[in-house]
Each structure stands twice: as C-alpha cells, then as structure tokens.
Amino acid sequence: MPQGDKRSRKPVEYLLQGTWPGAVLDDHHGAQVAQEVAVRLKKAIDAQGWTMVEASRQTGVDRLTITRVLGGHVWPDLLTIATLEKALDVDLWPGREPGNPPK
C-alpha cells in the first residue's frame, strides 16, 4: 500500500485488538508513534490535573485538536506536538534518547 493511502486512515484505524490508546496496532510505525504521543499527552495532562478546557487554555492548542489527538482521530502535526511539549515541559515524541525510548 502506498504511503499516501496509509496516511488517509486515522491512527485509531490501525487498531487490531483492544481500545485506543492501549490497543495492539498493526505494524504501521506512524500509527504506533501517534499512539505513544497520545499516551504521553494524556499522562502529562493528568499530571497537571487539567481538564481538556484547561489544557487548551494553558497550551494554546484547540481543545478539539487535543481531544482528537488523544483519541487517535488525527495525525498530530509537528507544530501541535512542539507547542504541547513546550507548554507541558515533556517529550511527547518517542525518541531514541535514554529515558525516551521508541515504542
């Protein structure tokens, strides 16, 4: 399947078993990264004790965007991830650094 076709599906559509974001996904690396971003974002928001409205207010990212990223309904873009990382002071993107391993 060409990469363009894979991007036309939402990350949650690569789910094989379970529920998002803790589900087992097929071997689509992008969906796995989106899943890890969602897990880390939820954890960071919860650690702050914020509602979605407060998370939006504090980060400057639209509440619907945050909700859709958390639900796996959109591919989070670079600007959204960077904005959230800066506002929350966390690494959302799973990297290859110690303490920030890829999934």
N, C-alpha and C. Protein backbone atom coordinates (compact mmCIF):
# COMPACT_ATOMS: atom_id res chain seq x y z
N MET A 1 0.85 -1.18 0.00
CA MET A 1 0.00 0.00 0.00
C MET A 1 0.89 1.23 0.00
N PRO A 2 0.68 2.17 -0.91
CA PRO A 2 1.49 3.38 -0.93
C PRO A 2 1.30 4.18 0.36
N GLN A 3 2.36 4.92 0.73
CA GLN A 3 2.32 5.69 1.97
C GLN A 3 1.14 6.65 2.01
N GLY A 4 0.78 7.27 0.89
CA GLY A 4 -0.35 8.19 0.86
C GLY A 4 -1.64 7.52 1.30
N ASP A 5 -1.83 6.26 0.91
CA ASP A 5 -3.02 5.52 1.32
C ASP A 5 -3.00 5.27 2.84
N LYS A 6 -1.84 5.01 3.38
CA LYS A 6 -1.74 4.77 4.82
C LYS A 6 -2.06 6.04 5.60
N ARG A 7 -1.71 7.20 5.08
CA ARG A 7 -1.99 8.45 5.77
C ARG A 7 -3.46 8.82 5.69
N SER A 8 -4.19 8.25 4.76
CA SER A 8 -5.61 8.59 4.64
C SER A 8 -6.43 7.96 5.76
N ARG A 9 -5.87 6.95 6.41
CA ARG A 9 -6.53 6.33 7.55
C ARG A 9 -6.10 7.03 8.83
N LYS A 10 -6.98 7.10 9.80
CA LYS A 10 -6.67 7.67 11.11
C LYS A 10 -5.81 6.69 11.89
N PRO A 11 -4.98 7.17 12.83
CA PRO A 11 -4.17 6.25 13.63
C PRO A 11 -5.00 5.15 14.29
N VAL A 12 -6.16 5.49 14.83
CA VAL A 12 -7.00 4.52 15.52
C VAL A 12 -7.50 3.42 14.58
N GLU A 13 -7.49 3.67 13.29
CA GLU A 13 -7.94 2.68 12.32
C GLU A 13 -6.92 1.56 12.09
N TYR A 14 -5.75 1.68 12.69
CA TYR A 14 -4.74 0.61 12.62
C TYR A 14 -4.83 -0.32 13.82
N LEU A 15 -5.87 -0.17 14.61
CA LEU A 15 -6.11 -0.97 15.79
C LEU A 15 -6.44 -2.41 15.40
N LEU A 16 -5.77 -3.36 16.04
CA LEU A 16 -6.05 -4.77 15.79
C LEU A 16 -6.86 -5.37 16.93
N GLN A 17 -6.55 -4.93 18.16
CA GLN A 17 -7.18 -5.54 19.33
C GLN A 17 -7.11 -4.55 20.49
N GLY A 18 -8.18 -4.46 21.26
CA GLY A 18 -8.21 -3.59 22.43
C GLY A 18 -8.80 -2.24 22.09
N THR A 19 -8.57 -1.27 22.98
CA THR A 19 -9.10 0.07 22.79
C THR A 19 -7.95 1.07 22.81
N TRP A 20 -8.14 2.12 22.05
CA TRP A 20 -7.15 3.19 21.94
C TRP A 20 -7.06 3.91 23.27
N PRO A 21 -5.92 4.32 23.76
CA PRO A 21 -4.62 4.21 23.12
C PRO A 21 -3.82 2.99 23.56
N GLY A 22 -4.38 2.13 24.41
CA GLY A 22 -3.62 0.98 24.88
C GLY A 22 -3.74 -0.24 24.00
N ALA A 23 -4.29 -0.08 22.82
CA ALA A 23 -4.57 -1.20 21.93
C ALA A 23 -3.32 -1.75 21.26
N VAL A 24 -3.47 -2.93 20.74
CA VAL A 24 -2.46 -3.53 19.86
C VAL A 24 -2.75 -3.01 18.46
N LEU A 25 -1.72 -2.44 17.83
CA LEU A 25 -1.87 -1.91 16.47
C LEU A 25 -1.15 -2.80 15.48
N ASP A 26 -1.50 -2.65 14.21
CA ASP A 26 -0.72 -3.36 13.20
C ASP A 26 0.66 -2.71 13.09
N ASP A 27 1.47 -3.16 12.18
CA ASP A 27 2.87 -2.75 12.11
C ASP A 27 3.05 -1.45 11.33
N HIS A 28 2.23 -0.46 11.59
CA HIS A 28 2.36 0.85 10.96
C HIS A 28 3.08 1.77 11.94
N HIS A 29 4.33 2.08 11.63
CA HIS A 29 5.15 2.85 12.56
C HIS A 29 4.53 4.20 12.91
N GLY A 30 3.96 4.88 11.94
CA GLY A 30 3.35 6.17 12.20
C GLY A 30 2.20 6.08 13.19
N ALA A 31 1.36 5.05 13.06
CA ALA A 31 0.25 4.86 13.99
C ALA A 31 0.77 4.54 15.38
N GLN A 32 1.86 3.79 15.46
CA GLN A 32 2.46 3.47 16.76
C GLN A 32 3.02 4.72 17.42
N VAL A 33 3.62 5.61 16.64
CA VAL A 33 4.14 6.86 17.19
C VAL A 33 2.97 7.73 17.65
N ALA A 34 1.90 7.83 16.85
CA ALA A 34 0.72 8.60 17.23
C ALA A 34 0.11 8.06 18.52
N GLN A 35 0.13 6.75 18.66
CA GLN A 35 -0.38 6.11 19.87
C GLN A 35 0.46 6.51 21.08
N GLU A 36 1.77 6.48 20.94
CA GLU A 36 2.66 6.84 22.04
C GLU A 36 2.53 8.32 22.38
N VAL A 37 2.38 9.18 21.38
CA VAL A 37 2.16 10.60 21.64
C VAL A 37 0.88 10.78 22.46
N ALA A 38 -0.18 10.07 22.10
CA ALA A 38 -1.45 10.16 22.83
C ALA A 38 -1.29 9.70 24.28
N VAL A 39 -0.58 8.61 24.49
CA VAL A 39 -0.36 8.09 25.85
C VAL A 39 0.41 9.11 26.68
N ARG A 40 1.48 9.66 26.11
CA ARG A 40 2.31 10.63 26.84
C ARG A 40 1.56 11.93 27.09
N LEU A 41 0.75 12.35 26.13
CA LEU A 41 -0.03 13.58 26.28
C LEU A 41 -1.05 13.42 27.41
N LYS A 42 -1.76 12.30 27.42
CA LYS A 42 -2.75 12.05 28.47
C LYS A 42 -2.08 12.04 29.84
N LYS A 43 -0.96 11.39 29.93
CA LYS A 43 -0.23 11.32 31.21
C LYS A 43 0.19 12.72 31.66
N ALA A 44 0.68 13.53 30.74
CA ALA A 44 1.14 14.89 31.08
C ALA A 44 -0.03 15.77 31.51
N ILE A 45 -1.15 15.68 30.82
CA ILE A 45 -2.32 16.47 31.18
C ILE A 45 -2.85 16.04 32.55
N ASP A 46 -2.92 14.73 32.75
CA ASP A 46 -3.38 14.21 34.04
C ASP A 46 -2.45 14.63 35.18
N ALA A 47 -1.15 14.64 34.92
CA ALA A 47 -0.17 15.04 35.95
C ALA A 47 -0.37 16.50 36.38
N GLN A 48 -0.86 17.32 35.45
CA GLN A 48 -1.14 18.71 35.77
C GLN A 48 -2.49 18.87 36.47
N GLY A 49 -3.32 17.83 36.38
CA GLY A 49 -4.66 17.90 36.95
C GLY A 49 -5.61 18.75 36.13
N TRP A 50 -5.32 18.86 34.83
CA TRP A 50 -6.10 19.73 33.95
C TRP A 50 -7.26 18.99 33.30
N THR A 51 -8.34 19.71 33.04
CA THR A 51 -9.40 19.25 32.16
C THR A 51 -8.94 19.54 30.73
N MET A 52 -9.71 19.09 29.74
CA MET A 52 -9.36 19.41 28.35
C MET A 52 -9.46 20.91 28.11
N VAL A 53 -10.43 21.56 28.72
CA VAL A 53 -10.58 23.01 28.57
C VAL A 53 -9.35 23.72 29.15
N GLU A 54 -8.92 23.30 30.32
CA GLU A 54 -7.74 23.92 30.95
C GLU A 54 -6.48 23.60 30.15
N ALA A 55 -6.35 22.38 29.64
CA ALA A 55 -5.19 22.03 28.81
C ALA A 55 -5.13 22.93 27.59
N SER A 56 -6.27 23.16 26.97
CA SER A 56 -6.32 24.04 25.81
C SER A 56 -5.92 25.46 26.18
N ARG A 57 -6.45 25.94 27.27
CA ARG A 57 -6.17 27.30 27.72
C ARG A 57 -4.67 27.45 28.04
N GLN A 58 -4.11 26.48 28.72
CA GLN A 58 -2.72 26.57 29.15
C GLN A 58 -1.72 26.38 28.01
N THR A 59 -2.08 25.58 27.01
CA THR A 59 -1.14 25.26 25.92
C THR A 59 -1.36 26.11 24.68
N GLY A 60 -2.55 26.67 24.53
CA GLY A 60 -2.85 27.42 23.32
C GLY A 60 -3.24 26.52 22.15
N VAL A 61 -3.43 25.23 22.41
CA VAL A 61 -3.85 24.28 21.37
C VAL A 61 -5.36 24.07 21.54
N ASP A 62 -6.09 24.13 20.44
CA ASP A 62 -7.53 23.97 20.47
C ASP A 62 -7.94 22.70 21.20
N ARG A 63 -8.98 22.80 22.02
CA ARG A 63 -9.46 21.66 22.80
C ARG A 63 -9.83 20.48 21.91
N LEU A 64 -10.50 20.77 20.79
CA LEU A 64 -10.89 19.69 19.88
C LEU A 64 -9.65 18.99 19.31
N THR A 65 -8.62 19.75 19.00
CA THR A 65 -7.38 19.14 18.50
C THR A 65 -6.79 18.20 19.55
N ILE A 66 -6.70 18.66 20.79
CA ILE A 66 -6.16 17.82 21.86
C ILE A 66 -7.00 16.55 22.00
N THR A 67 -8.31 16.70 22.01
CA THR A 67 -9.21 15.55 22.14
C THR A 67 -9.04 14.58 20.99
N ARG A 68 -8.89 15.09 19.77
CA ARG A 68 -8.74 14.23 18.60
C ARG A 68 -7.38 13.52 18.58
N VAL A 69 -6.33 14.18 19.07
CA VAL A 69 -5.01 13.54 19.19
C VAL A 69 -5.10 12.42 20.22
N LEU A 70 -5.70 12.72 21.37
CA LEU A 70 -5.83 11.71 22.43
C LEU A 70 -6.65 10.51 21.97
N GLY A 71 -7.63 10.73 21.10
CA GLY A 71 -8.48 9.65 20.61
C GLY A 71 -7.96 8.93 19.39
N GLY A 72 -6.82 9.38 18.83
CA GLY A 72 -6.27 8.73 17.64
C GLY A 72 -7.04 9.05 16.38
N HIS A 73 -7.77 10.16 16.37
CA HIS A 73 -8.59 10.51 15.21
C HIS A 73 -7.90 11.44 14.23
N VAL A 74 -6.70 11.92 14.58
CA VAL A 74 -5.90 12.76 13.68
C VAL A 74 -4.44 12.38 13.82
N TRP A 75 -3.69 12.71 12.78
CA TRP A 75 -2.23 12.59 12.84
C TRP A 75 -1.72 13.90 13.44
N PRO A 76 -1.17 13.89 14.65
CA PRO A 76 -0.72 15.15 15.24
C PRO A 76 0.42 15.75 14.43
N ASP A 77 0.29 17.03 14.09
CA ASP A 77 1.32 17.66 13.28
C ASP A 77 2.47 18.16 14.16
N LEU A 78 3.55 18.50 13.51
CA LEU A 78 4.77 18.91 14.21
C LEU A 78 4.55 20.14 15.08
N LEU A 79 3.84 21.14 14.58
CA LEU A 79 3.61 22.35 15.35
C LEU A 79 2.77 22.06 16.60
N THR A 80 1.77 21.22 16.46
CA THR A 80 0.94 20.85 17.62
C THR A 80 1.78 20.14 18.67
N ILE A 81 2.57 19.17 18.24
CA ILE A 81 3.41 18.43 19.18
C ILE A 81 4.41 19.36 19.85
N ALA A 82 5.07 20.20 19.07
CA ALA A 82 6.07 21.13 19.63
C ALA A 82 5.43 22.08 20.63
N THR A 83 4.26 22.60 20.31
CA THR A 83 3.56 23.53 21.20
C THR A 83 3.18 22.84 22.51
N LEU A 84 2.64 21.63 22.41
CA LEU A 84 2.26 20.88 23.60
C LEU A 84 3.49 20.51 24.44
N GLU A 85 4.57 20.08 23.79
CA GLU A 85 5.78 19.73 24.52
C GLU A 85 6.32 20.92 25.31
N LYS A 86 6.35 22.08 24.68
CA LYS A 86 6.87 23.27 25.36
C LYS A 86 5.97 23.66 26.53
N ALA A 87 4.67 23.69 26.31
CA ALA A 87 3.73 24.11 27.36
C ALA A 87 3.70 23.13 28.53
N LEU A 88 3.84 21.83 28.24
CA LEU A 88 3.77 20.80 29.28
C LEU A 88 5.14 20.43 29.84
N ASP A 89 6.21 20.90 29.17
CA ASP A 89 7.59 20.59 29.56
C ASP A 89 7.83 19.07 29.62
N VAL A 90 7.39 18.38 28.57
CA VAL A 90 7.58 16.93 28.45
C VAL A 90 7.93 16.58 27.01
N ASP A 91 8.54 15.44 26.82
CA ASP A 91 8.77 14.88 25.50
C ASP A 91 7.55 14.04 25.14
N LEU A 92 6.84 14.43 24.12
CA LEU A 92 5.70 13.64 23.65
C LEU A 92 6.12 12.69 22.54
N TRP A 93 7.05 13.15 21.71
CA TRP A 93 7.53 12.33 20.59
C TRP A 93 8.46 11.26 21.13
N PRO A 94 8.19 9.98 20.84
CA PRO A 94 9.08 8.93 21.32
C PRO A 94 10.38 8.95 20.52
N GLY A 95 11.47 9.26 21.19
CA GLY A 95 12.75 9.37 20.51
C GLY A 95 13.65 8.20 20.80
N ARG A 96 14.88 8.38 20.45
CA ARG A 96 15.86 7.32 20.64
C ARG A 96 16.83 7.63 21.78
N GLU A 97 16.53 8.69 22.53
CA GLU A 97 17.36 9.09 23.66
C GLU A 97 17.08 8.21 24.87
N PRO A 98 18.04 8.02 25.77
CA PRO A 98 17.76 7.31 27.01
C PRO A 98 16.65 8.03 27.77
N GLY A 99 15.73 7.27 28.31
CA GLY A 99 14.61 7.85 29.02
C GLY A 99 13.46 8.25 28.12
N ASN A 100 13.65 8.14 26.81
CA ASN A 100 12.60 8.50 25.84
C ASN A 100 12.64 7.47 24.71
N PRO A 101 12.50 6.18 25.05
CA PRO A 101 12.67 5.14 24.03
C PRO A 101 11.51 5.06 23.05
N PRO A 102 11.77 4.58 21.84
CA PRO A 102 10.67 4.35 20.91
C PRO A 102 9.82 3.20 21.42
N LYS A 103 8.60 3.15 20.99
CA LYS A 103 7.68 2.08 21.40
C LYS A 103 8.13 0.78 20.80
